[in-house]
Amino acid sequence: MITQYNFLNTWLKAHTKSERGAAMVEYALLLALIAIVAIAALKVLGDTVSTEFSGINSGLSDK
């Protein structure tokens, strides 16, 4: 009986001490930071970018 307990205890410790979840949280925070920077850049450069895309669109539709 004690051997089964030791096996189960060792198995549970090996499978619950994983740090994969921590890495996923770090990637999610990095992705959120990139999204915030992209949104801020679009807010700041919005009119300029819109004008450029409109010019490109009209240039492509003329051909």
N, C-alpha and C. Protein backbone atom coordinates (compact mmCIF):
# COMPACT_ATOMS: atom_id res chain seq x y z
N MET A 1 0.82 -1.20 0.00
CA MET A 1 0.00 0.00 0.00
C MET A 1 0.86 1.26 0.00
N ILE A 2 1.94 1.26 0.77
CA ILE A 2 2.80 2.43 0.83
C ILE A 2 3.48 2.69 -0.51
N THR A 3 3.76 1.63 -1.26
CA THR A 3 4.38 1.79 -2.56
C THR A 3 3.43 2.49 -3.52
N GLN A 4 2.17 2.13 -3.49
CA GLN A 4 1.19 2.79 -4.34
C GLN A 4 1.05 4.26 -3.97
N TYR A 5 1.10 4.55 -2.68
CA TYR A 5 1.03 5.94 -2.23
C TYR A 5 2.23 6.72 -2.73
N ASN A 6 3.42 6.16 -2.60
CA ASN A 6 4.63 6.84 -3.06
C ASN A 6 4.57 7.07 -4.57
N PHE A 7 4.12 6.07 -5.31
CA PHE A 7 4.01 6.21 -6.76
C PHE A 7 3.04 7.33 -7.11
N LEU A 8 1.85 7.32 -6.50
CA LEU A 8 0.84 8.34 -6.77
C LEU A 8 1.33 9.72 -6.37
N ASN A 9 1.99 9.80 -5.23
CA ASN A 9 2.51 11.08 -4.74
C ASN A 9 3.57 11.62 -5.71
N THR A 10 4.49 10.78 -6.15
CA THR A 10 5.53 11.19 -7.09
C THR A 10 4.92 11.60 -8.42
N TRP A 11 3.96 10.83 -8.89
CA TRP A 11 3.33 11.13 -10.18
C TRP A 11 2.60 12.46 -10.14
N LEU A 12 1.86 12.70 -9.06
CA LEU A 12 1.12 13.97 -8.92
C LEU A 12 2.08 15.16 -8.84
N LYS A 13 3.16 15.02 -8.10
CA LYS A 13 4.12 16.12 -8.00
C LYS A 13 4.76 16.42 -9.35
N ALA A 14 5.05 15.38 -10.10
CA ALA A 14 5.69 15.57 -11.41
C ALA A 14 4.75 16.24 -12.39
N HIS A 15 3.46 15.98 -12.29
CA HIS A 15 2.52 16.52 -13.26
C HIS A 15 1.86 17.83 -12.83
N THR A 16 2.00 18.21 -11.58
CA THR A 16 1.37 19.46 -11.14
C THR A 16 2.39 20.58 -10.95
N LYS A 17 3.65 20.31 -10.99
CA LYS A 17 4.68 21.33 -10.81
C LYS A 17 5.14 21.92 -12.14
N SER A 18 4.35 21.77 -13.16
CA SER A 18 4.71 22.27 -14.48
C SER A 18 4.55 23.78 -14.52
N GLU A 19 5.43 24.46 -15.23
CA GLU A 19 5.36 25.91 -15.37
C GLU A 19 4.89 26.30 -16.76
N ARG A 20 4.25 25.39 -17.48
CA ARG A 20 3.75 25.72 -18.81
C ARG A 20 2.68 26.79 -18.75
N GLY A 21 1.87 26.79 -17.74
CA GLY A 21 0.83 27.81 -17.59
C GLY A 21 1.41 29.20 -17.40
N ALA A 22 2.53 29.28 -16.68
CA ALA A 22 3.18 30.57 -16.47
C ALA A 22 3.69 31.14 -17.79
N ALA A 23 4.24 30.29 -18.63
CA ALA A 23 4.72 30.76 -19.92
C ALA A 23 3.56 31.25 -20.78
N MET A 24 2.42 30.57 -20.71
CA MET A 24 1.26 30.98 -21.48
C MET A 24 0.76 32.35 -21.02
N VAL A 25 0.80 32.59 -19.74
CA VAL A 25 0.38 33.89 -19.21
C VAL A 25 1.33 34.98 -19.69
N GLU A 26 2.62 34.68 -19.72
CA GLU A 26 3.59 35.66 -20.21
C GLU A 26 3.35 35.98 -21.68
N TYR A 27 3.07 34.96 -22.49
CA TYR A 27 2.78 35.20 -23.90
C TYR A 27 1.49 36.00 -24.07
N ALA A 28 0.50 35.75 -23.24
CA ALA A 28 -0.76 36.49 -23.33
C ALA A 28 -0.53 37.96 -22.96
N LEU A 29 0.27 38.22 -21.95
CA LEU A 29 0.58 39.60 -21.57
C LEU A 29 1.37 40.30 -22.67
N LEU A 30 2.30 39.59 -23.29
CA LEU A 30 3.07 40.17 -24.39
C LEU A 30 2.17 40.49 -25.57
N LEU A 31 1.25 39.59 -25.89
CA LEU A 31 0.31 39.81 -26.97
C LEU A 31 -0.60 41.00 -26.68
N ALA A 32 -1.05 41.12 -25.43
CA ALA A 32 -1.89 42.26 -25.05
C ALA A 32 -1.11 43.57 -25.17
N LEU A 33 0.16 43.57 -24.79
CA LEU A 33 0.97 44.78 -24.91
C LEU A 33 1.16 45.17 -26.37
N ILE A 34 1.41 44.19 -27.22
CA ILE A 34 1.56 44.47 -28.66
C ILE A 34 0.26 45.02 -29.23
N ALA A 35 -0.87 44.47 -28.82
CA ALA A 35 -2.17 44.95 -29.31
C ALA A 35 -2.41 46.39 -28.85
N ILE A 36 -2.06 46.71 -27.62
CA ILE A 36 -2.25 48.07 -27.11
C ILE A 36 -1.38 49.05 -27.88
N VAL A 37 -0.13 48.68 -28.15
CA VAL A 37 0.76 49.55 -28.91
C VAL A 37 0.24 49.74 -30.34
N ALA A 38 -0.25 48.67 -30.96
CA ALA A 38 -0.79 48.77 -32.32
C ALA A 38 -2.02 49.67 -32.36
N ILE A 39 -2.91 49.52 -31.40
CA ILE A 39 -4.11 50.36 -31.35
C ILE A 39 -3.74 51.82 -31.12
N ALA A 40 -2.77 52.07 -30.23
CA ALA A 40 -2.33 53.44 -29.97
C ALA A 40 -1.70 54.05 -31.22
N ALA A 41 -0.92 53.26 -31.94
CA ALA A 41 -0.29 53.77 -33.17
C ALA A 41 -1.35 54.08 -34.22
N LEU A 42 -2.36 53.25 -34.32
CA LEU A 42 -3.43 53.53 -35.29
C LEU A 42 -4.23 54.76 -34.90
N LYS A 43 -4.43 54.97 -33.61
CA LYS A 43 -5.13 56.17 -33.16
C LYS A 43 -4.34 57.43 -33.51
N VAL A 44 -3.03 57.38 -33.29
CA VAL A 44 -2.18 58.54 -33.55
C VAL A 44 -2.03 58.79 -35.04
N LEU A 45 -1.82 57.72 -35.79
CA LEU A 45 -1.56 57.85 -37.22
C LEU A 45 -2.79 57.55 -38.08
N GLY A 46 -3.95 57.50 -37.48
CA GLY A 46 -5.16 57.07 -38.17
C GLY A 46 -5.49 57.85 -39.43
N ASP A 47 -5.51 59.16 -39.34
CA ASP A 47 -5.87 59.98 -40.51
C ASP A 47 -4.84 59.86 -41.62
N THR A 48 -3.57 59.84 -41.25
CA THR A 48 -2.51 59.73 -42.24
C THR A 48 -2.58 58.38 -42.96
N VAL A 49 -2.76 57.33 -42.19
CA VAL A 49 -2.84 55.99 -42.78
C VAL A 49 -4.08 55.88 -43.65
N SER A 50 -5.20 56.43 -43.21
CA SER A 50 -6.43 56.38 -43.99
C SER A 50 -6.27 57.11 -45.32
N THR A 51 -5.61 58.25 -45.29
CA THR A 51 -5.36 59.00 -46.52
C THR A 51 -4.47 58.21 -47.47
N GLU A 52 -3.43 57.60 -46.93
CA GLU A 52 -2.53 56.79 -47.77
C GLU A 52 -3.26 55.62 -48.40
N PHE A 53 -4.05 54.90 -47.60
CA PHE A 53 -4.79 53.75 -48.14
C PHE A 53 -5.82 54.20 -49.19
N SER A 54 -6.43 55.34 -48.98
CA SER A 54 -7.38 55.85 -49.97
C SER A 54 -6.67 56.17 -51.28
N GLY A 55 -5.48 56.76 -51.19
CA GLY A 55 -4.70 57.04 -52.38
C GLY A 55 -4.27 55.77 -53.09
N ILE A 56 -3.86 54.78 -52.35
CA ILE A 56 -3.49 53.49 -52.95
C ILE A 56 -4.69 52.83 -53.59
N ASN A 57 -5.82 52.89 -52.92
CA ASN A 57 -7.05 52.28 -53.45
C ASN A 57 -7.48 52.96 -54.75
N SER A 58 -7.45 54.26 -54.77
CA SER A 58 -7.84 54.96 -56.00
C SER A 58 -6.85 54.70 -57.13
N GLY A 59 -5.57 54.58 -56.78
CA GLY A 59 -4.56 54.26 -57.78
C GLY A 59 -4.76 52.87 -58.37
N LEU A 60 -5.16 51.93 -57.55
CA LEU A 60 -5.39 50.56 -58.03
C LEU A 60 -6.68 50.46 -58.82
N SER A 61 -7.69 51.22 -58.43
CA SER A 61 -8.97 51.11 -59.13
C SER A 61 -8.94 51.83 -60.48
N ASP A 62 -8.00 52.74 -60.69
CA ASP A 62 -7.88 53.43 -61.97
C ASP A 62 -7.32 52.51 -63.05
N LYS A 63 -6.61 51.48 -62.67
CA LYS A 63 -6.00 50.59 -63.67
C LYS A 63 -6.92 49.54 -64.14
